[in-house]
Amino acid sequence: MEPKRVLHAEQVEDESLSLESLVREMLGQLGEDITREGLVQTPARVAASLKWLTRGYGMSVEDVIGDALYKEPHDNLVCVRDIEIYSLCEHHMLPFFGRAHVAYLPNGRLVGLSKIPRVIEVFARRLQVQERLTDQVADALMRVLEPQGVPLPEARGGFLAALKRLMEPQAVISTRDES
């Protein structure tokens, strides 16, 4: 069996494979009249929104941090809490959102605090699962900052579980063991 070929947006030349045409097809498969006034521009809008929601594929941690690394002898834990996260579940392509808390123990280098939410965005703006998101943020901070340590970042959210009625809507899903 041949491995599947992954096509990226810039490689798609055939109009039948464009996001807009795929959305048009999906609407038709759902039984919608794609010529209806309210749906005529929907394929373009959905394509643009998906490109925006997954723009993290074109971003790198090094680029978002830029030159905001500073030599500083600081021995205390640096923590940024309640960072809003918005992503798309890779299993359903539905949104999940919540809040993340990120900390690191510096090793002679600090990063501008406003850059930590941007590091999260690099990974959140991809098709994602919460567990991988936290691992990717921790790994990126370890690689770029070379700190003494990064306690596993925590992301909390529960929209998809509530939507699917798998849990009570008030349930909180956390990627960190709190026991």
N, C-alpha and C. Protein backbone atom coordinates (compact mmCIF):
# COMPACT_ATOMS: atom_id res chain seq x y z
N MET A 1 0.84 -1.18 0.00
CA MET A 1 0.00 0.00 0.00
C MET A 1 0.88 1.24 0.00
N GLU A 2 0.60 2.16 -0.91
CA GLU A 2 1.39 3.39 -1.01
C GLU A 2 1.02 4.34 0.10
N PRO A 3 2.02 5.09 0.64
CA PRO A 3 1.69 6.07 1.67
C PRO A 3 0.82 7.17 1.09
N LYS A 4 -0.06 7.73 1.94
CA LYS A 4 -0.93 8.82 1.51
C LYS A 4 -0.10 10.07 1.25
N ARG A 5 -0.46 10.76 0.20
CA ARG A 5 0.22 12.01 -0.15
C ARG A 5 -0.49 13.16 0.54
N VAL A 6 0.25 13.96 1.28
CA VAL A 6 -0.32 15.10 1.97
C VAL A 6 -0.23 16.31 1.07
N LEU A 7 -1.37 16.94 0.81
CA LEU A 7 -1.39 18.15 -0.01
C LEU A 7 -1.57 19.36 0.89
N HIS A 8 -0.75 20.35 0.69
CA HIS A 8 -0.88 21.61 1.39
C HIS A 8 -1.56 22.62 0.47
N ALA A 9 -2.17 23.64 1.04
CA ALA A 9 -2.97 24.60 0.28
C ALA A 9 -2.23 25.15 -0.93
N GLU A 10 -0.96 25.46 -0.79
CA GLU A 10 -0.23 26.06 -1.90
C GLU A 10 0.03 25.05 -3.03
N GLN A 11 -0.15 23.75 -2.75
CA GLN A 11 0.08 22.73 -3.76
C GLN A 11 -1.19 22.38 -4.54
N VAL A 12 -2.34 22.85 -4.08
CA VAL A 12 -3.60 22.50 -4.72
C VAL A 12 -3.84 23.42 -5.91
N GLU A 13 -3.71 22.87 -7.10
CA GLU A 13 -3.95 23.65 -8.31
C GLU A 13 -5.31 23.30 -8.91
N ASP A 14 -5.77 22.09 -8.67
CA ASP A 14 -7.03 21.63 -9.22
C ASP A 14 -8.17 22.27 -8.43
N GLU A 15 -9.02 23.06 -9.10
CA GLU A 15 -10.14 23.75 -8.45
C GLU A 15 -11.04 22.78 -7.70
N SER A 16 -11.14 21.52 -8.20
CA SER A 16 -12.03 20.56 -7.54
C SER A 16 -11.53 20.19 -6.15
N LEU A 17 -10.28 20.50 -5.83
CA LEU A 17 -9.73 20.20 -4.51
C LEU A 17 -9.63 21.43 -3.60
N SER A 18 -10.06 22.59 -4.06
CA SER A 18 -9.95 23.79 -3.24
C SER A 18 -10.91 23.71 -2.06
N LEU A 19 -10.60 24.43 -1.00
CA LEU A 19 -11.48 24.46 0.16
C LEU A 19 -12.88 24.94 -0.22
N GLU A 20 -12.94 25.97 -1.05
CA GLU A 20 -14.25 26.49 -1.44
C GLU A 20 -15.08 25.42 -2.15
N SER A 21 -14.47 24.70 -3.07
CA SER A 21 -15.23 23.68 -3.79
C SER A 21 -15.63 22.53 -2.86
N LEU A 22 -14.76 22.21 -1.91
CA LEU A 22 -15.09 21.15 -0.96
C LEU A 22 -16.26 21.58 -0.05
N VAL A 23 -16.29 22.84 0.36
CA VAL A 23 -17.40 23.33 1.17
C VAL A 23 -18.69 23.33 0.34
N ARG A 24 -18.59 23.75 -0.92
CA ARG A 24 -19.75 23.71 -1.81
C ARG A 24 -20.31 22.28 -1.90
N GLU A 25 -19.42 21.33 -2.08
CA GLU A 25 -19.80 19.92 -2.15
C GLU A 25 -20.45 19.47 -0.85
N MET A 26 -19.85 19.85 0.29
CA MET A 26 -20.40 19.47 1.59
C MET A 26 -21.81 20.02 1.76
N LEU A 27 -22.01 21.29 1.41
CA LEU A 27 -23.35 21.88 1.52
C LEU A 27 -24.35 21.12 0.67
N GLY A 28 -23.95 20.75 -0.52
CA GLY A 28 -24.83 19.96 -1.38
C GLY A 28 -25.13 18.60 -0.78
N GLN A 29 -24.10 17.97 -0.19
CA GLN A 29 -24.29 16.66 0.44
C GLN A 29 -25.24 16.75 1.64
N LEU A 30 -25.26 17.92 2.28
CA LEU A 30 -26.17 18.13 3.41
C LEU A 30 -27.60 18.42 2.96
N GLY A 31 -27.79 18.55 1.64
CA GLY A 31 -29.12 18.80 1.11
C GLY A 31 -29.45 20.26 0.92
N GLU A 32 -28.46 21.12 1.05
CA GLU A 32 -28.69 22.56 0.87
C GLU A 32 -28.68 22.95 -0.59
N ASP A 33 -29.37 24.00 -0.90
CA ASP A 33 -29.35 24.59 -2.23
C ASP A 33 -28.20 25.60 -2.24
N ILE A 34 -27.10 25.23 -2.90
CA ILE A 34 -25.91 26.08 -2.85
C ILE A 34 -26.05 27.36 -3.66
N THR A 35 -27.15 27.48 -4.39
CA THR A 35 -27.39 28.72 -5.13
C THR A 35 -28.27 29.68 -4.33
N ARG A 36 -28.73 29.22 -3.16
CA ARG A 36 -29.55 30.08 -2.31
C ARG A 36 -28.75 31.31 -1.89
N GLU A 37 -29.40 32.46 -1.88
CA GLU A 37 -28.71 33.74 -1.61
C GLU A 37 -27.83 33.70 -0.36
N GLY A 38 -28.34 33.14 0.71
CA GLY A 38 -27.58 33.11 1.96
C GLY A 38 -26.37 32.20 1.93
N LEU A 39 -26.29 31.32 0.94
CA LEU A 39 -25.18 30.35 0.88
C LEU A 39 -24.18 30.63 -0.24
N VAL A 40 -24.47 31.56 -1.10
CA VAL A 40 -23.60 31.80 -2.26
C VAL A 40 -22.17 32.11 -1.83
N GLN A 41 -21.98 32.95 -0.82
CA GLN A 41 -20.65 33.34 -0.37
C GLN A 41 -20.10 32.44 0.75
N THR A 42 -20.92 31.50 1.22
CA THR A 42 -20.51 30.63 2.33
C THR A 42 -19.23 29.85 2.05
N PRO A 43 -19.06 29.23 0.89
CA PRO A 43 -17.80 28.49 0.66
C PRO A 43 -16.56 29.37 0.81
N ALA A 44 -16.60 30.59 0.30
CA ALA A 44 -15.44 31.49 0.43
C ALA A 44 -15.24 31.89 1.89
N ARG A 45 -16.34 32.15 2.60
CA ARG A 45 -16.22 32.53 4.02
C ARG A 45 -15.66 31.39 4.86
N VAL A 46 -16.16 30.17 4.62
CA VAL A 46 -15.67 29.01 5.38
C VAL A 46 -14.20 28.76 5.07
N ALA A 47 -13.82 28.85 3.80
CA ALA A 47 -12.41 28.65 3.43
C ALA A 47 -11.52 29.67 4.13
N ALA A 48 -11.94 30.93 4.11
CA ALA A 48 -11.14 31.98 4.77
C ALA A 48 -11.08 31.75 6.27
N SER A 49 -12.18 31.35 6.88
CA SER A 49 -12.17 31.15 8.33
C SER A 49 -11.30 29.95 8.70
N LEU A 50 -11.35 28.88 7.92
CA LEU A 50 -10.50 27.73 8.21
C LEU A 50 -9.02 28.06 8.06
N LYS A 51 -8.69 28.85 7.07
CA LYS A 51 -7.29 29.27 6.90
C LYS A 51 -6.84 30.10 8.11
N TRP A 52 -7.73 30.97 8.60
CA TRP A 52 -7.39 31.80 9.75
C TRP A 52 -7.29 30.95 11.01
N LEU A 53 -8.23 30.03 11.20
CA LEU A 53 -8.25 29.19 12.40
C LEU A 53 -7.08 28.21 12.44
N THR A 54 -6.48 27.93 11.30
CA THR A 54 -5.35 26.99 11.26
C THR A 54 -4.06 27.67 10.81
N ARG A 55 -3.97 28.96 11.04
CA ARG A 55 -2.78 29.71 10.60
C ARG A 55 -1.52 29.33 11.36
N GLY A 56 -1.65 28.58 12.43
CA GLY A 56 -0.49 28.14 13.19
C GLY A 56 0.46 27.28 12.39
N TYR A 57 -0.04 26.61 11.34
CA TYR A 57 0.85 25.80 10.50
C TYR A 57 1.91 26.66 9.82
N GLY A 58 1.62 27.92 9.61
CA GLY A 58 2.59 28.82 8.98
C GLY A 58 3.37 29.66 9.96
N MET A 59 3.27 29.35 11.25
CA MET A 59 3.95 30.13 12.29
C MET A 59 5.02 29.27 12.97
N SER A 60 6.05 29.92 13.50
CA SER A 60 7.05 29.21 14.29
C SER A 60 7.23 29.93 15.62
N VAL A 61 7.60 29.17 16.62
CA VAL A 61 7.84 29.72 17.96
C VAL A 61 8.96 30.75 17.91
N GLU A 62 10.01 30.44 17.17
CA GLU A 62 11.14 31.36 17.07
C GLU A 62 10.71 32.71 16.48
N ASP A 63 9.84 32.67 15.50
CA ASP A 63 9.37 33.91 14.88
C ASP A 63 8.50 34.73 15.83
N VAL A 64 7.61 34.09 16.57
CA VAL A 64 6.73 34.87 17.45
C VAL A 64 7.49 35.42 18.66
N ILE A 65 8.52 34.72 19.10
CA ILE A 65 9.33 35.23 20.22
C ILE A 65 10.29 36.31 19.72
N GLY A 66 10.82 36.11 18.52
CA GLY A 66 11.72 37.11 17.95
C GLY A 66 12.90 37.41 18.86
N ASP A 67 13.14 38.70 19.11
CA ASP A 67 14.28 39.10 19.95
C ASP A 67 13.85 39.40 21.39
N ALA A 68 12.72 38.88 21.81
CA ALA A 68 12.22 39.15 23.16
C ALA A 68 12.79 38.17 24.20
N LEU A 69 14.04 37.78 24.04
CA LEU A 69 14.75 36.96 25.02
C LEU A 69 15.78 37.84 25.71
N TYR A 70 15.82 37.76 27.03
CA TYR A 70 16.67 38.66 27.80
C TYR A 70 17.51 37.87 28.80
N LYS A 71 18.80 38.20 28.87
CA LYS A 71 19.65 37.61 29.91
C LYS A 71 19.32 38.30 31.22
N GLU A 72 18.94 37.50 32.19
CA GLU A 72 18.52 38.06 33.48
C GLU A 72 18.67 36.98 34.55
N PRO A 73 19.42 37.27 35.61
CA PRO A 73 19.54 36.28 36.69
C PRO A 73 18.27 36.30 37.56
N HIS A 74 17.32 35.46 37.22
CA HIS A 74 16.04 35.40 37.94
C HIS A 74 15.83 33.96 38.39
N ASP A 75 15.59 33.77 39.70
CA ASP A 75 15.51 32.41 40.26
C ASP A 75 14.10 31.95 40.59
N ASN A 76 13.12 32.78 40.37
CA ASN A 76 11.75 32.42 40.74
C ASN A 76 10.96 31.94 39.54
N LEU A 77 9.96 31.14 39.83
CA LEU A 77 9.07 30.63 38.80
C LEU A 77 8.35 31.78 38.11
N VAL A 78 8.32 31.76 36.79
CA VAL A 78 7.57 32.75 36.01
C VAL A 78 6.30 32.05 35.54
N CYS A 79 5.16 32.65 35.82
CA CYS A 79 3.89 32.01 35.51
C CYS A 79 2.95 33.02 34.84
N VAL A 80 2.33 32.59 33.76
CA VAL A 80 1.30 33.38 33.10
C VAL A 80 0.04 32.53 33.15
N ARG A 81 -1.00 33.07 33.79
CA ARG A 81 -2.22 32.30 34.02
C ARG A 81 -3.38 32.85 33.20
N ASP A 82 -4.36 32.00 33.05
CA ASP A 82 -5.63 32.36 32.42
C ASP A 82 -5.45 32.91 30.99
N ILE A 83 -4.62 32.26 30.22
CA ILE A 83 -4.44 32.61 28.82
C ILE A 83 -5.57 31.94 28.04
N GLU A 84 -6.36 32.73 27.34
CA GLU A 84 -7.46 32.16 26.58
C GLU A 84 -6.91 31.39 25.38
N ILE A 85 -7.45 30.18 25.19
CA ILE A 85 -7.06 29.38 24.04
C ILE A 85 -8.30 29.06 23.21
N TYR A 86 -8.11 29.06 21.92
CA TYR A 86 -9.15 28.69 20.97
C TYR A 86 -8.49 27.80 19.93
N SER A 87 -9.08 26.64 19.69
CA SER A 87 -8.51 25.72 18.73
C SER A 87 -9.62 24.93 18.06
N LEU A 88 -9.23 24.07 17.12
CA LEU A 88 -10.17 23.17 16.47
C LEU A 88 -9.77 21.74 16.81
N CYS A 89 -10.73 20.98 17.29
CA CYS A 89 -10.51 19.57 17.58
C CYS A 89 -10.21 18.84 16.28
N GLU A 90 -9.14 18.08 16.26
CA GLU A 90 -8.77 17.38 15.04
C GLU A 90 -9.71 16.22 14.72
N HIS A 91 -10.46 15.77 15.71
CA HIS A 91 -11.36 14.64 15.48
C HIS A 91 -12.69 15.06 14.86
N HIS A 92 -13.17 16.26 15.18
CA HIS A 92 -14.48 16.70 14.71
C HIS A 92 -14.43 18.02 13.95
N MET A 93 -13.28 18.68 13.98
CA MET A 93 -13.12 20.01 13.40
C MET A 93 -14.15 20.98 13.99
N LEU A 94 -14.43 20.79 15.26
CA LEU A 94 -15.28 21.70 16.01
C LEU A 94 -14.39 22.47 16.97
N PRO A 95 -14.81 23.66 17.38
CA PRO A 95 -13.96 24.46 18.27
C PRO A 95 -13.89 23.89 19.68
N PHE A 96 -12.74 24.05 20.27
CA PHE A 96 -12.64 23.90 21.72
C PHE A 96 -11.91 25.12 22.24
N PHE A 97 -12.24 25.49 23.42
CA PHE A 97 -11.65 26.69 24.00
C PHE A 97 -11.57 26.53 25.49
N GLY A 98 -10.79 27.36 26.09
CA GLY A 98 -10.62 27.32 27.53
C GLY A 98 -9.51 28.27 27.94
N ARG A 99 -8.87 27.93 29.03
CA ARG A 99 -7.79 28.76 29.56
C ARG A 99 -6.58 27.88 29.82
N ALA A 100 -5.41 28.48 29.60
CA ALA A 100 -4.16 27.76 29.83
C ALA A 100 -3.35 28.52 30.87
N HIS A 101 -2.54 27.76 31.60
CA HIS A 101 -1.60 28.33 32.57
C HIS A 101 -0.23 27.77 32.20
N VAL A 102 0.75 28.65 32.06
CA VAL A 102 2.09 28.25 31.64
C VAL A 102 3.10 28.83 32.62
N ALA A 103 4.07 28.02 33.01
CA ALA A 103 5.12 28.48 33.91
C ALA A 103 6.46 27.91 33.45
N TYR A 104 7.53 28.61 33.83
CA TYR A 104 8.87 28.07 33.58
C TYR A 104 9.80 28.60 34.66
N LEU A 105 10.85 27.84 34.95
CA LEU A 105 11.87 28.23 35.91
C LEU A 105 13.09 28.67 35.11
N PRO A 106 13.36 29.98 35.07
CA PRO A 106 14.43 30.51 34.21
C PRO A 106 15.81 29.95 34.55
N ASN A 107 16.66 30.01 33.56
CA ASN A 107 18.04 29.58 33.70
C ASN A 107 18.94 30.67 33.12
N GLY A 108 18.71 31.91 33.58
CA GLY A 108 19.51 33.03 33.09
C GLY A 108 18.91 33.74 31.89
N ARG A 109 17.75 33.26 31.41
CA ARG A 109 17.09 33.91 30.27
C ARG A 109 15.60 34.04 30.55
N LEU A 110 15.06 35.20 30.22
CA LEU A 110 13.62 35.46 30.34
C LEU A 110 13.07 35.76 28.96
N VAL A 111 11.79 35.51 28.81
CA VAL A 111 11.11 35.87 27.57
C VAL A 111 10.06 36.92 27.94
N GLY A 112 9.80 37.85 27.03
CA GLY A 112 8.75 38.82 27.28
C GLY A 112 7.44 38.10 27.57
N LEU A 113 6.77 38.48 28.64
CA LEU A 113 5.57 37.76 29.08
C LEU A 113 4.47 37.73 28.01
N SER A 114 4.41 38.75 27.19
CA SER A 114 3.37 38.77 26.15
C SER A 114 3.63 37.72 25.07
N LYS A 115 4.82 37.17 25.05
CA LYS A 115 5.16 36.17 24.03
C LYS A 115 4.62 34.79 24.38
N ILE A 116 4.38 34.51 25.65
CA ILE A 116 3.90 33.18 26.04
C ILE A 116 2.54 32.87 25.43
N PRO A 117 1.56 33.79 25.48
CA PRO A 117 0.30 33.50 24.79
C PRO A 117 0.48 33.32 23.28
N ARG A 118 1.44 33.99 22.71
CA ARG A 118 1.70 33.83 21.27
C ARG A 118 2.31 32.47 20.96
N VAL A 119 3.11 31.94 21.88
CA VAL A 119 3.63 30.59 21.70
C VAL A 119 2.47 29.59 21.71
N ILE A 120 1.55 29.78 22.63
CA ILE A 120 0.37 28.90 22.66
C ILE A 120 -0.39 28.99 21.35
N GLU A 121 -0.54 30.19 20.82
CA GLU A 121 -1.29 30.37 19.58
C GLU A 121 -0.66 29.63 18.40
N VAL A 122 0.67 29.54 18.37
CA VAL A 122 1.33 28.80 17.29
C VAL A 122 0.76 27.39 17.20
N PHE A 123 0.54 26.75 18.34
CA PHE A 123 0.07 25.38 18.36
C PHE A 123 -1.45 25.26 18.43
N ALA A 124 -2.11 26.22 19.06
CA ALA A 124 -3.57 26.17 19.16
C ALA A 124 -4.23 26.43 17.81
N ARG A 125 -3.57 27.18 16.94
CA ARG A 125 -4.14 27.49 15.62
C ARG A 125 -3.78 26.41 14.60
N ARG A 126 -3.96 25.18 15.03
CA ARG A 126 -3.79 23.99 14.18
C ARG A 126 -4.89 23.03 14.60
N LEU A 127 -5.15 22.02 13.78
CA LEU A 127 -6.05 20.97 14.24
C LEU A 127 -5.34 20.32 15.42
N GLN A 128 -6.04 20.11 16.52
CA GLN A 128 -5.34 19.84 17.76
C GLN A 128 -6.15 18.99 18.71
N VAL A 129 -5.47 18.41 19.70
CA VAL A 129 -6.08 17.85 20.89
C VAL A 129 -5.38 18.52 22.08
N GLN A 130 -6.12 18.69 23.16
CA GLN A 130 -5.58 19.44 24.31
C GLN A 130 -4.28 18.83 24.84
N GLU A 131 -4.22 17.51 24.88
CA GLU A 131 -3.05 16.86 25.45
C GLU A 131 -1.79 17.18 24.64
N ARG A 132 -1.89 17.12 23.31
CA ARG A 132 -0.74 17.43 22.47
C ARG A 132 -0.37 18.91 22.58
N LEU A 133 -1.38 19.75 22.65
CA LEU A 133 -1.15 21.19 22.76
C LEU A 133 -0.26 21.50 23.96
N THR A 134 -0.57 20.91 25.11
CA THR A 134 0.24 21.20 26.30
C THR A 134 1.67 20.68 26.14
N ASP A 135 1.82 19.50 25.54
CA ASP A 135 3.16 18.96 25.31
C ASP A 135 3.96 19.83 24.36
N GLN A 136 3.33 20.30 23.29
CA GLN A 136 4.03 21.12 22.30
C GLN A 136 4.48 22.45 22.90
N VAL A 137 3.64 23.06 23.73
CA VAL A 137 4.02 24.32 24.36
C VAL A 137 5.21 24.09 25.30
N ALA A 138 5.15 23.05 26.12
CA ALA A 138 6.25 22.76 27.04
C ALA A 138 7.55 22.48 26.27
N ASP A 139 7.47 21.66 25.24
CA ASP A 139 8.66 21.33 24.44
C ASP A 139 9.25 22.58 23.78
N ALA A 140 8.39 23.44 23.25
CA ALA A 140 8.87 24.66 22.59
C ALA A 140 9.56 25.58 23.58
N LEU A 141 8.98 25.75 24.76
CA LEU A 141 9.62 26.61 25.77
C LEU A 141 10.95 26.02 26.23
N MET A 142 11.02 24.71 26.37
CA MET A 142 12.29 24.08 26.75
C MET A 142 13.34 24.32 25.67
N ARG A 143 12.96 24.19 24.42
CA ARG A 143 13.89 24.35 23.31
C ARG A 143 14.39 25.78 23.17
N VAL A 144 13.49 26.75 23.24
CA VAL A 144 13.85 28.14 22.98
C VAL A 144 14.45 28.83 24.20
N LEU A 145 13.90 28.59 25.38
CA LEU A 145 14.36 29.28 26.59
C LEU A 145 15.49 28.56 27.31
N GLU A 146 15.57 27.24 27.12
CA GLU A 146 16.51 26.41 27.86
C GLU A 146 16.42 26.69 29.36
N PRO A 147 15.20 26.64 29.92
CA PRO A 147 15.03 26.92 31.35
C PRO A 147 15.45 25.72 32.19
N GLN A 148 15.43 25.92 33.50
CA GLN A 148 15.70 24.80 34.40
C GLN A 148 14.57 23.78 34.31
N GLY A 149 13.37 24.25 33.97
CA GLY A 149 12.24 23.34 33.82
C GLY A 149 10.99 24.07 33.42
N VAL A 150 10.05 23.30 32.87
CA VAL A 150 8.73 23.81 32.51
C VAL A 150 7.73 22.82 33.10
N PRO A 151 7.06 23.22 34.18
CA PRO A 151 5.99 22.34 34.66
C PRO A 151 4.98 22.17 33.52
N LEU A 152 4.43 21.01 33.38
CA LEU A 152 3.51 20.77 32.27
C LEU A 152 2.44 21.83 32.24
N PRO A 153 2.36 22.57 31.13
CA PRO A 153 1.30 23.57 31.03
C PRO A 153 -0.07 22.90 31.15
N GLU A 154 -1.03 23.66 31.58
CA GLU A 154 -2.37 23.13 31.74
C GLU A 154 -3.32 23.86 30.83
N ALA A 155 -4.18 23.10 30.16
CA ALA A 155 -5.24 23.69 29.35
C ALA A 155 -6.55 23.11 29.85
N ARG A 156 -7.54 23.97 30.00
CA ARG A 156 -8.85 23.52 30.46
C ARG A 156 -9.92 23.93 29.48
N GLY A 157 -10.82 23.02 29.23
CA GLY A 157 -11.96 23.32 28.38
C GLY A 157 -12.89 22.13 28.36
N GLY A 158 -14.09 22.34 27.95
CA GLY A 158 -15.03 21.24 27.95
C GLY A 158 -16.15 21.37 26.94
N PHE A 159 -16.03 22.24 25.97
CA PHE A 159 -17.10 22.50 25.01
C PHE A 159 -17.53 21.26 24.25
N LEU A 160 -16.58 20.51 23.71
CA LEU A 160 -16.95 19.37 22.88
C LEU A 160 -17.65 18.28 23.68
N ALA A 161 -17.14 18.01 24.87
CA ALA A 161 -17.78 16.99 25.69
C ALA A 161 -19.20 17.40 26.04
N ALA A 162 -19.39 18.66 26.37
CA ALA A 162 -20.73 19.14 26.69
C ALA A 162 -21.62 19.10 25.46
N LEU A 163 -21.07 19.48 24.32
CA LEU A 163 -21.83 19.48 23.08
C LEU A 163 -22.31 18.07 22.74
N LYS A 164 -21.46 17.11 22.93
CA LYS A 164 -21.82 15.73 22.60
C LYS A 164 -22.56 15.05 23.75
N ARG A 165 -22.78 15.77 24.83
CA ARG A 165 -23.47 15.26 26.01
C ARG A 165 -22.77 14.02 26.60
N LEU A 166 -21.45 14.00 26.47
CA LEU A 166 -20.69 12.91 27.07
C LEU A 166 -20.48 13.16 28.56
N MET A 167 -20.56 14.43 28.93
CA MET A 167 -20.38 14.83 30.32
C MET A 167 -21.38 15.92 30.62
N GLU A 168 -21.51 16.21 31.86
CA GLU A 168 -22.34 17.34 32.25
C GLU A 168 -21.71 18.62 31.70
N PRO A 169 -22.52 19.59 31.28
CA PRO A 169 -21.95 20.83 30.73
C PRO A 169 -21.03 21.57 31.69
N GLN A 170 -21.19 21.36 32.98
CA GLN A 170 -20.34 22.05 33.95
C GLN A 170 -19.00 21.35 34.16
N ALA A 171 -18.83 20.17 33.57
CA ALA A 171 -17.59 19.42 33.78
C ALA A 171 -16.41 20.19 33.19
N VAL A 172 -15.28 20.07 33.85
CA VAL A 172 -14.05 20.69 33.39
C VAL A 172 -13.08 19.60 32.99
N ILE A 173 -12.54 19.72 31.80
CA ILE A 173 -11.54 18.77 31.33
C ILE A 173 -10.19 19.44 31.50
N SER A 174 -9.26 18.75 32.13
CA SER A 174 -7.94 19.32 32.37
C SER A 174 -6.89 18.37 31.84
N THR A 175 -5.81 18.91 31.31
CA THR A 175 -4.72 18.08 30.81
C THR A 175 -3.65 17.86 31.86
N ARG A 176 -3.92 18.26 33.07
CA ARG A 176 -2.94 18.08 34.14
C ARG A 176 -3.56 17.23 35.23
N ASP A 177 -2.79 16.31 35.77
CA ASP A 177 -3.25 15.49 36.88
C ASP A 177 -3.20 16.33 38.14
N GLU A 178 -4.33 16.50 38.78
CA GLU A 178 -4.39 17.35 39.98
C GLU A 178 -4.46 16.52 41.26
N SER A 179 -4.15 15.23 41.18
CA SER A 179 -4.23 14.40 42.38
C SER A 179 -3.02 14.56 43.26
